[in-house]
N, C-alpha and C. Protein backbone atom coordinates (compact mmCIF):
# COMPACT_ATOMS: atom_id res chain seq x y z
N MET A 1 0.84 -1.18 0.00
CA MET A 1 0.00 0.00 0.00
C MET A 1 0.89 1.24 0.00
N ALA A 2 0.62 2.17 -0.92
CA ALA A 2 1.40 3.39 -1.01
C ALA A 2 0.89 4.43 -0.03
N PHE A 3 1.82 5.05 0.68
CA PHE A 3 1.42 6.01 1.70
C PHE A 3 1.56 7.45 1.24
N ASN A 4 2.37 7.70 0.23
CA ASN A 4 2.48 9.06 -0.27
C ASN A 4 2.66 9.05 -1.78
N ARG A 5 2.68 10.23 -2.37
CA ARG A 5 2.74 10.34 -3.83
C ARG A 5 4.03 9.77 -4.40
N ARG A 6 5.15 10.01 -3.71
CA ARG A 6 6.43 9.52 -4.21
C ARG A 6 6.46 8.00 -4.24
N GLU A 7 6.01 7.37 -3.17
CA GLU A 7 5.99 5.91 -3.14
C GLU A 7 5.05 5.34 -4.19
N ALA A 8 3.92 5.99 -4.40
CA ALA A 8 2.98 5.53 -5.43
C ALA A 8 3.60 5.63 -6.81
N ARG A 9 4.33 6.72 -7.09
CA ARG A 9 4.99 6.87 -8.38
C ARG A 9 6.07 5.82 -8.56
N MET A 10 6.81 5.54 -7.49
CA MET A 10 7.87 4.53 -7.58
C MET A 10 7.29 3.14 -7.85
N ARG A 11 6.15 2.85 -7.27
CA ARG A 11 5.49 1.56 -7.53
C ARG A 11 5.05 1.46 -8.98
N ARG A 12 4.47 2.53 -9.52
CA ARG A 12 4.07 2.54 -10.93
C ARG A 12 5.28 2.41 -11.83
N GLN A 13 6.37 3.05 -11.46
CA GLN A 13 7.60 2.99 -12.25
C GLN A 13 8.16 1.57 -12.28
N ARG A 14 8.23 0.91 -11.13
CA ARG A 14 8.72 -0.48 -11.09
C ARG A 14 7.83 -1.41 -11.90
N ARG A 15 6.53 -1.21 -11.82
CA ARG A 15 5.58 -2.05 -12.55
C ARG A 15 5.78 -1.91 -14.06
N ALA A 16 5.97 -0.69 -14.52
CA ALA A 16 6.17 -0.46 -15.95
C ALA A 16 7.55 -0.92 -16.40
N ARG A 17 8.56 -0.77 -15.56
CA ARG A 17 9.93 -1.10 -15.93
C ARG A 17 10.13 -2.59 -16.14
N LYS A 18 9.21 -3.42 -15.63
CA LYS A 18 9.29 -4.86 -15.87
C LYS A 18 9.16 -5.16 -17.36
N ARG A 19 8.36 -4.36 -18.05
CA ARG A 19 8.09 -4.61 -19.47
C ARG A 19 8.90 -3.73 -20.40
N ILE A 20 9.32 -2.56 -19.93
CA ILE A 20 10.03 -1.61 -20.78
C ILE A 20 11.53 -1.84 -20.64
N PHE A 21 12.19 -2.09 -21.77
CA PHE A 21 13.63 -2.35 -21.77
C PHE A 21 14.22 -1.78 -23.04
N GLY A 22 15.24 -0.96 -22.92
CA GLY A 22 15.87 -0.36 -24.08
C GLY A 22 17.00 -1.22 -24.60
N THR A 23 17.03 -1.43 -25.89
CA THR A 23 18.11 -2.21 -26.52
C THR A 23 18.95 -1.28 -27.39
N ASP A 24 19.94 -1.85 -28.04
CA ASP A 24 20.80 -1.07 -28.93
C ASP A 24 19.99 -0.57 -30.13
N ASN A 25 19.09 -1.40 -30.64
CA ASN A 25 18.27 -1.02 -31.79
C ASN A 25 17.17 -0.05 -31.41
N LYS A 26 16.60 -0.23 -30.23
CA LYS A 26 15.47 0.59 -29.79
C LYS A 26 15.68 0.98 -28.32
N PRO A 27 16.43 2.07 -28.07
CA PRO A 27 16.71 2.46 -26.69
C PRO A 27 15.48 3.05 -26.00
N ARG A 28 15.61 3.25 -24.70
CA ARG A 28 14.50 3.73 -23.87
C ARG A 28 14.60 5.24 -23.71
N LEU A 29 13.49 5.94 -23.95
CA LEU A 29 13.39 7.38 -23.69
C LEU A 29 12.75 7.54 -22.32
N SER A 30 13.57 7.86 -21.33
CA SER A 30 13.12 7.97 -19.95
C SER A 30 12.87 9.42 -19.60
N VAL A 31 11.75 9.68 -18.91
CA VAL A 31 11.37 11.04 -18.53
C VAL A 31 11.30 11.14 -17.01
N PHE A 32 11.91 12.18 -16.46
CA PHE A 32 11.78 12.48 -15.03
C PHE A 32 11.25 13.90 -14.91
N ARG A 33 10.22 14.04 -14.09
CA ARG A 33 9.57 15.33 -13.93
C ARG A 33 9.67 15.75 -12.47
N SER A 34 10.29 16.89 -12.23
CA SER A 34 10.32 17.45 -10.88
C SER A 34 9.36 18.64 -10.85
N ALA A 35 9.28 19.30 -9.73
CA ALA A 35 8.36 20.44 -9.62
C ALA A 35 8.79 21.59 -10.52
N ASN A 36 10.08 21.78 -10.69
CA ASN A 36 10.57 22.93 -11.45
C ASN A 36 11.16 22.61 -12.82
N HIS A 37 11.54 21.36 -13.06
CA HIS A 37 12.23 21.02 -14.30
C HIS A 37 11.72 19.69 -14.84
N ILE A 38 12.11 19.40 -16.10
CA ILE A 38 11.81 18.10 -16.70
C ILE A 38 13.08 17.62 -17.41
N TYR A 39 13.36 16.34 -17.28
CA TYR A 39 14.57 15.75 -17.80
C TYR A 39 14.21 14.57 -18.70
N ALA A 40 14.97 14.38 -19.79
CA ALA A 40 14.76 13.25 -20.69
C ALA A 40 16.11 12.64 -21.03
N GLN A 41 16.17 11.31 -21.02
CA GLN A 41 17.39 10.59 -21.37
C GLN A 41 17.04 9.48 -22.33
N ILE A 42 17.93 9.21 -23.25
CA ILE A 42 17.80 8.03 -24.11
C ILE A 42 18.85 7.05 -23.63
N ILE A 43 18.38 5.87 -23.18
CA ILE A 43 19.23 4.91 -22.48
C ILE A 43 19.25 3.57 -23.21
N ASP A 44 20.45 3.00 -23.34
CA ASP A 44 20.61 1.63 -23.83
C ASP A 44 20.80 0.76 -22.59
N ASP A 45 19.76 -0.01 -22.24
CA ASP A 45 19.81 -0.82 -21.02
C ASP A 45 20.73 -2.02 -21.14
N ASP A 46 21.01 -2.48 -22.37
CA ASP A 46 21.94 -3.60 -22.54
C ASP A 46 23.33 -3.25 -22.03
N SER A 47 23.81 -2.07 -22.41
CA SER A 47 25.15 -1.65 -21.99
C SER A 47 25.11 -0.65 -20.83
N ALA A 48 23.92 -0.32 -20.35
CA ALA A 48 23.71 0.61 -19.23
C ALA A 48 24.39 1.95 -19.48
N THR A 49 24.15 2.52 -20.67
CA THR A 49 24.74 3.81 -21.02
C THR A 49 23.66 4.78 -21.46
N THR A 50 23.89 6.05 -21.16
CA THR A 50 23.01 7.11 -21.63
C THR A 50 23.54 7.59 -22.97
N LEU A 51 22.71 7.50 -24.00
CA LEU A 51 23.13 7.87 -25.34
C LEU A 51 22.92 9.35 -25.62
N ALA A 52 21.86 9.92 -25.05
CA ALA A 52 21.57 11.35 -25.23
C ALA A 52 20.75 11.82 -24.04
N ALA A 53 20.90 13.09 -23.71
CA ALA A 53 20.14 13.65 -22.59
C ALA A 53 19.80 15.10 -22.87
N ALA A 54 18.65 15.53 -22.35
CA ALA A 54 18.23 16.93 -22.47
C ALA A 54 17.35 17.25 -21.28
N SER A 55 17.37 18.50 -20.89
CA SER A 55 16.52 18.94 -19.79
C SER A 55 16.29 20.44 -19.92
N THR A 56 15.47 20.96 -19.04
CA THR A 56 15.25 22.40 -19.03
C THR A 56 16.49 23.15 -18.55
N LEU A 57 17.46 22.43 -18.02
CA LEU A 57 18.72 23.03 -17.58
C LEU A 57 19.80 22.96 -18.66
N SER A 58 19.51 22.39 -19.82
CA SER A 58 20.48 22.24 -20.89
C SER A 58 20.96 23.60 -21.40
N PRO A 59 22.24 23.71 -21.71
CA PRO A 59 22.77 24.98 -22.21
C PRO A 59 22.11 25.44 -23.52
N GLU A 60 21.65 24.48 -24.35
CA GLU A 60 21.01 24.84 -25.61
C GLU A 60 19.70 25.59 -25.40
N LEU A 61 19.06 25.38 -24.26
CA LEU A 61 17.77 26.02 -23.98
C LEU A 61 17.93 27.26 -23.10
N LYS A 62 19.15 27.62 -22.78
CA LYS A 62 19.41 28.81 -21.96
C LYS A 62 18.91 30.04 -22.71
N GLY A 63 18.06 30.81 -22.09
CA GLY A 63 17.52 32.01 -22.72
C GLY A 63 16.26 31.78 -23.54
N VAL A 64 16.02 30.52 -23.93
CA VAL A 64 14.82 30.19 -24.70
C VAL A 64 13.63 29.98 -23.76
N ILE A 65 13.91 29.38 -22.61
CA ILE A 65 12.87 29.04 -21.64
C ILE A 65 12.85 30.08 -20.53
N LYS A 66 11.68 30.62 -20.27
CA LYS A 66 11.54 31.57 -19.17
C LYS A 66 11.15 30.86 -17.88
N ASN A 67 10.12 30.01 -17.95
CA ASN A 67 9.67 29.24 -16.80
C ASN A 67 9.87 27.76 -17.14
N ALA A 68 10.71 27.07 -16.39
CA ALA A 68 11.08 25.69 -16.73
C ALA A 68 10.03 24.66 -16.32
N GLY A 69 9.04 25.03 -15.54
CA GLY A 69 8.09 24.06 -15.03
C GLY A 69 6.75 24.06 -15.74
N ASN A 70 6.73 24.39 -17.03
CA ASN A 70 5.43 24.41 -17.73
C ASN A 70 5.46 23.54 -18.99
N VAL A 71 4.32 23.43 -19.64
CA VAL A 71 4.15 22.56 -20.80
C VAL A 71 5.01 23.04 -21.97
N GLU A 72 5.10 24.33 -22.15
CA GLU A 72 5.88 24.87 -23.27
C GLU A 72 7.35 24.50 -23.16
N SER A 73 7.91 24.55 -21.97
CA SER A 73 9.31 24.16 -21.80
C SER A 73 9.49 22.66 -22.02
N ALA A 74 8.50 21.86 -21.65
CA ALA A 74 8.56 20.41 -21.90
C ALA A 74 8.57 20.13 -23.39
N ARG A 75 7.82 20.92 -24.16
CA ARG A 75 7.85 20.77 -25.62
C ARG A 75 9.24 21.04 -26.18
N LYS A 76 9.89 22.08 -25.66
CA LYS A 76 11.24 22.42 -26.12
C LYS A 76 12.23 21.30 -25.79
N VAL A 77 12.09 20.69 -24.63
CA VAL A 77 12.97 19.58 -24.24
C VAL A 77 12.72 18.38 -25.16
N GLY A 78 11.46 18.13 -25.51
CA GLY A 78 11.14 17.04 -26.44
C GLY A 78 11.77 17.25 -27.81
N GLU A 79 11.73 18.47 -28.30
CA GLU A 79 12.36 18.79 -29.59
C GLU A 79 13.87 18.60 -29.51
N LEU A 80 14.46 19.04 -28.39
CA LEU A 80 15.91 18.94 -28.23
C LEU A 80 16.37 17.49 -28.12
N ILE A 81 15.66 16.66 -27.38
CA ILE A 81 16.06 15.26 -27.24
C ILE A 81 15.92 14.53 -28.58
N ALA A 82 14.90 14.88 -29.36
CA ALA A 82 14.74 14.27 -30.68
C ALA A 82 15.87 14.69 -31.61
N LYS A 83 16.27 15.95 -31.54
CA LYS A 83 17.37 16.44 -32.36
C LYS A 83 18.67 15.73 -32.01
N LYS A 84 18.94 15.57 -30.71
CA LYS A 84 20.16 14.88 -30.28
C LYS A 84 20.13 13.41 -30.68
N ALA A 85 18.96 12.80 -30.61
CA ALA A 85 18.84 11.39 -31.00
C ALA A 85 19.09 11.23 -32.50
N LYS A 86 18.55 12.12 -33.30
CA LYS A 86 18.76 12.05 -34.75
C LYS A 86 20.24 12.19 -35.10
N GLU A 87 20.94 13.07 -34.37
CA GLU A 87 22.37 13.25 -34.61
C GLU A 87 23.15 11.96 -34.32
N LYS A 88 22.68 11.16 -33.36
CA LYS A 88 23.34 9.90 -33.01
C LYS A 88 22.83 8.73 -33.86
N GLY A 89 21.88 9.00 -34.76
CA GLY A 89 21.35 7.96 -35.64
C GLY A 89 20.25 7.13 -35.01
N ILE A 90 19.62 7.65 -33.98
CA ILE A 90 18.53 6.93 -33.30
C ILE A 90 17.20 7.38 -33.90
N GLU A 91 16.45 6.43 -34.42
CA GLU A 91 15.16 6.74 -35.03
C GLU A 91 13.98 6.27 -34.17
N GLN A 92 14.14 5.09 -33.54
CA GLN A 92 13.06 4.50 -32.75
C GLN A 92 13.47 4.37 -31.30
N VAL A 93 12.52 4.64 -30.41
CA VAL A 93 12.74 4.50 -28.97
C VAL A 93 11.52 3.85 -28.33
N VAL A 94 11.72 3.39 -27.10
CA VAL A 94 10.62 2.89 -26.26
C VAL A 94 10.38 3.98 -25.22
N PHE A 95 9.15 4.44 -25.07
CA PHE A 95 8.86 5.55 -24.16
C PHE A 95 8.62 5.04 -22.75
N ASP A 96 9.34 5.64 -21.79
CA ASP A 96 9.22 5.31 -20.38
C ASP A 96 8.81 6.58 -19.65
N ARG A 97 7.56 6.62 -19.20
CA ARG A 97 7.04 7.83 -18.56
C ARG A 97 7.45 7.95 -17.10
N GLY A 98 8.20 7.00 -16.59
CA GLY A 98 8.77 7.09 -15.26
C GLY A 98 7.77 7.07 -14.13
N GLY A 99 6.65 6.40 -14.30
CA GLY A 99 5.65 6.33 -13.25
C GLY A 99 4.71 7.52 -13.22
N ASN A 100 4.97 8.52 -14.06
CA ASN A 100 4.08 9.68 -14.13
C ASN A 100 2.90 9.37 -15.05
N LEU A 101 1.81 10.09 -14.87
CA LEU A 101 0.69 9.96 -15.76
C LEU A 101 1.05 10.54 -17.12
N TYR A 102 0.51 9.97 -18.19
CA TYR A 102 0.73 10.49 -19.54
C TYR A 102 -0.22 11.66 -19.72
N HIS A 103 0.20 12.80 -19.18
CA HIS A 103 -0.66 13.98 -19.12
C HIS A 103 0.22 15.19 -18.91
N GLY A 104 -0.17 16.32 -19.40
CA GLY A 104 0.53 17.56 -19.12
C GLY A 104 1.92 17.61 -19.71
N ARG A 105 2.92 17.84 -18.85
CA ARG A 105 4.30 18.02 -19.32
C ARG A 105 4.88 16.76 -19.94
N VAL A 106 4.55 15.60 -19.38
CA VAL A 106 5.07 14.33 -19.92
C VAL A 106 4.50 14.10 -21.32
N GLN A 107 3.22 14.35 -21.48
CA GLN A 107 2.57 14.20 -22.79
C GLN A 107 3.13 15.20 -23.79
N ALA A 108 3.34 16.44 -23.38
CA ALA A 108 3.88 17.47 -24.27
C ALA A 108 5.28 17.10 -24.76
N LEU A 109 6.11 16.59 -23.86
CA LEU A 109 7.46 16.17 -24.23
C LEU A 109 7.40 15.04 -25.26
N ALA A 110 6.56 14.05 -25.01
CA ALA A 110 6.44 12.90 -25.91
C ALA A 110 5.93 13.32 -27.29
N GLU A 111 4.91 14.14 -27.32
CA GLU A 111 4.33 14.54 -28.60
C GLU A 111 5.30 15.41 -29.42
N SER A 112 6.03 16.30 -28.76
CA SER A 112 6.99 17.13 -29.50
C SER A 112 8.16 16.30 -30.00
N ALA A 113 8.57 15.28 -29.25
CA ALA A 113 9.63 14.38 -29.72
C ALA A 113 9.16 13.60 -30.93
N ARG A 114 7.90 13.17 -30.93
CA ARG A 114 7.34 12.48 -32.10
C ARG A 114 7.30 13.39 -33.30
N GLU A 115 6.85 14.63 -33.12
CA GLU A 115 6.75 15.57 -34.22
C GLU A 115 8.13 15.91 -34.78
N ALA A 116 9.14 15.88 -33.93
CA ALA A 116 10.51 16.19 -34.37
C ALA A 116 11.20 15.00 -35.03
N GLY A 117 10.54 13.85 -35.08
CA GLY A 117 11.08 12.75 -35.86
C GLY A 117 11.35 11.45 -35.12
N LEU A 118 11.20 11.40 -33.81
CA LEU A 118 11.38 10.14 -33.09
C LEU A 118 10.16 9.26 -33.28
N ASP A 119 10.36 7.97 -33.39
CA ASP A 119 9.27 7.04 -33.60
C ASP A 119 9.11 6.16 -32.37
N PHE A 120 7.92 6.21 -31.72
CA PHE A 120 7.61 5.32 -30.61
C PHE A 120 6.12 5.21 -30.46
């Protein structure tokens, strides 16, 4: 039984992580959402390496984002992670919402990454 929001999110994350696994051909796009920022990583679970990463704290988004905790900034992070993935030759990923609901900032990041060319 979950007693607080963090524990409930961790339980959902463990439950989903049983089925979601990133390979060399199709790495995992992992999303972490904090109160003020959003982070995205593309991970190859076979070799346990991060292939690409982007967040609202990324230098490329410095000056572009005014408020890092909103949907618009999540869209910018989604575009940036897709751009970095394309540069590394990554076309397809498995989406890992990290125990968060597919709503709001997480949904905005995923949809903008899809529009920018990532397939999942």
